[in-house]
């Protein structure tokens, strides 16, 4: 199944950010992307970044921990103000 163009663009943009050289290792950024995808409830991102993390050598226990943190954050930290809610 081919993903809609907007979804493909999103995954490419975030994926490039994860793989770009920076202060954080790619493995850590992939775990952050997984955690954020859970917190944002984005199934496309979750699946793609989980695959990426595994290709980078991240083990299932690390992925599970990132997911657990995201779930707990989502449960405990949602607020009406949406501090980082983006427009558009």
Protein backbone atom coordinates (compact mmCIF):
# COMPACT_ATOMS: atom_id res chain seq x y z
CA UNK A 1 0.00 0.00 0.00
CA UNK A 2 1.40 3.34 -1.04
CA UNK A 3 1.26 6.04 1.60
CA UNK A 4 -0.24 9.44 0.79
CA UNK A 5 2.31 12.01 -0.40
CA UNK A 6 1.92 14.16 2.74
CA UNK A 7 2.75 11.15 4.93
CA UNK A 8 5.74 10.25 2.76
CA UNK A 9 7.03 13.83 2.98
CA UNK A 10 6.69 13.79 6.76
CA UNK A 11 8.56 10.51 7.10
CA UNK A 12 11.36 11.65 4.79
CA UNK A 13 11.74 14.96 6.63
CA UNK A 14 11.91 13.39 10.08
CA UNK A 15 14.03 10.48 8.84
CA UNK A 16 16.63 12.86 7.41
CA UNK A 17 16.70 14.66 10.75
CA UNK A 18 17.32 11.38 12.59
CA UNK A 19 20.16 10.36 10.27
CA UNK A 20 21.83 13.80 10.08
CA UNK A 21 25.12 14.09 11.97
CA UNK A 22 24.66 16.00 15.19
CA UNK A 23 25.40 15.88 18.90
CA UNK A 24 23.00 12.98 19.44
CA UNK A 25 23.71 9.52 18.04
CA UNK A 26 21.31 8.28 15.35
CA UNK A 27 20.19 5.47 17.66
CA UNK A 28 19.13 7.97 20.35
CA UNK A 29 17.31 10.11 17.80
CA UNK A 30 15.48 7.07 16.45
CA UNK A 31 14.30 6.25 19.97
CA UNK A 32 13.17 9.86 20.40
CA UNK A 33 11.25 9.62 17.11
CA UNK A 34 9.59 6.39 18.27
CA UNK A 35 8.66 7.95 21.60
CA UNK A 36 7.31 11.08 19.93
CA UNK A 37 5.28 9.02 17.45
CA UNK A 38 3.61 7.21 20.34
CA UNK A 39 2.95 10.47 22.18
CA UNK A 40 1.51 11.99 18.97
CA UNK A 41 -0.40 8.81 18.12
CA UNK A 42 1.15 8.63 14.64
CA UNK A 43 1.07 5.02 13.46
CA UNK A 44 2.97 5.73 10.24
CA UNK A 45 5.90 7.31 12.08
CA UNK A 46 5.86 4.65 14.77
CA UNK A 47 6.27 1.81 12.29
CA UNK A 48 8.85 3.51 10.12
CA UNK A 49 11.06 4.74 12.94
CA UNK A 50 10.86 1.40 14.72
CA UNK A 51 12.22 -0.21 11.52
CA UNK A 52 14.91 2.47 11.29
CA UNK A 53 15.94 1.96 14.91
CA UNK A 54 16.32 -1.78 14.38
CA UNK A 55 18.47 -1.16 11.28
CA UNK A 56 20.65 1.12 13.43
CA UNK A 57 21.14 -1.69 15.95
CA UNK A 58 18.67 -0.63 18.63
CA UNK A 59 17.37 -3.68 20.48
CA UNK A 60 13.73 -4.45 21.25
CA UNK A 61 14.14 -3.78 25.00
CA UNK A 62 15.34 -0.23 24.26
CA UNK A 63 12.43 0.36 21.88
CA UNK A 64 9.98 -0.98 24.46
CA UNK A 65 11.38 1.38 27.09
CA UNK A 66 11.04 4.38 24.77
CA UNK A 67 7.43 3.39 24.13
CA UNK A 68 6.71 2.98 27.85
CA UNK A 69 8.07 6.46 28.56
CA UNK A 70 5.93 7.96 25.79
CA UNK A 71 2.78 6.23 26.99
CA UNK A 72 3.37 7.42 30.55
CA UNK A 73 4.09 10.98 29.37
CA UNK A 74 0.92 10.98 27.28
CA UNK A 75 -1.15 9.67 30.20
CA UNK A 76 0.29 12.00 32.83
CA UNK A 77 1.21 15.17 30.97
CA UNK A 78 -1.58 16.06 28.54
CA UNK A 79 -2.91 19.52 29.11
CA UNK A 80 -5.45 21.80 27.55
CA UNK A 81 -2.96 24.57 26.75
CA UNK A 82 -0.88 22.50 24.38
CA UNK A 83 2.44 24.24 25.10
CA UNK A 84 4.02 23.02 21.86
CA UNK A 85 0.91 22.64 19.76
CA UNK A 86 1.72 23.73 16.23
CA UNK A 87 -0.64 25.57 13.96
CA UNK A 88 -1.32 24.19 10.49
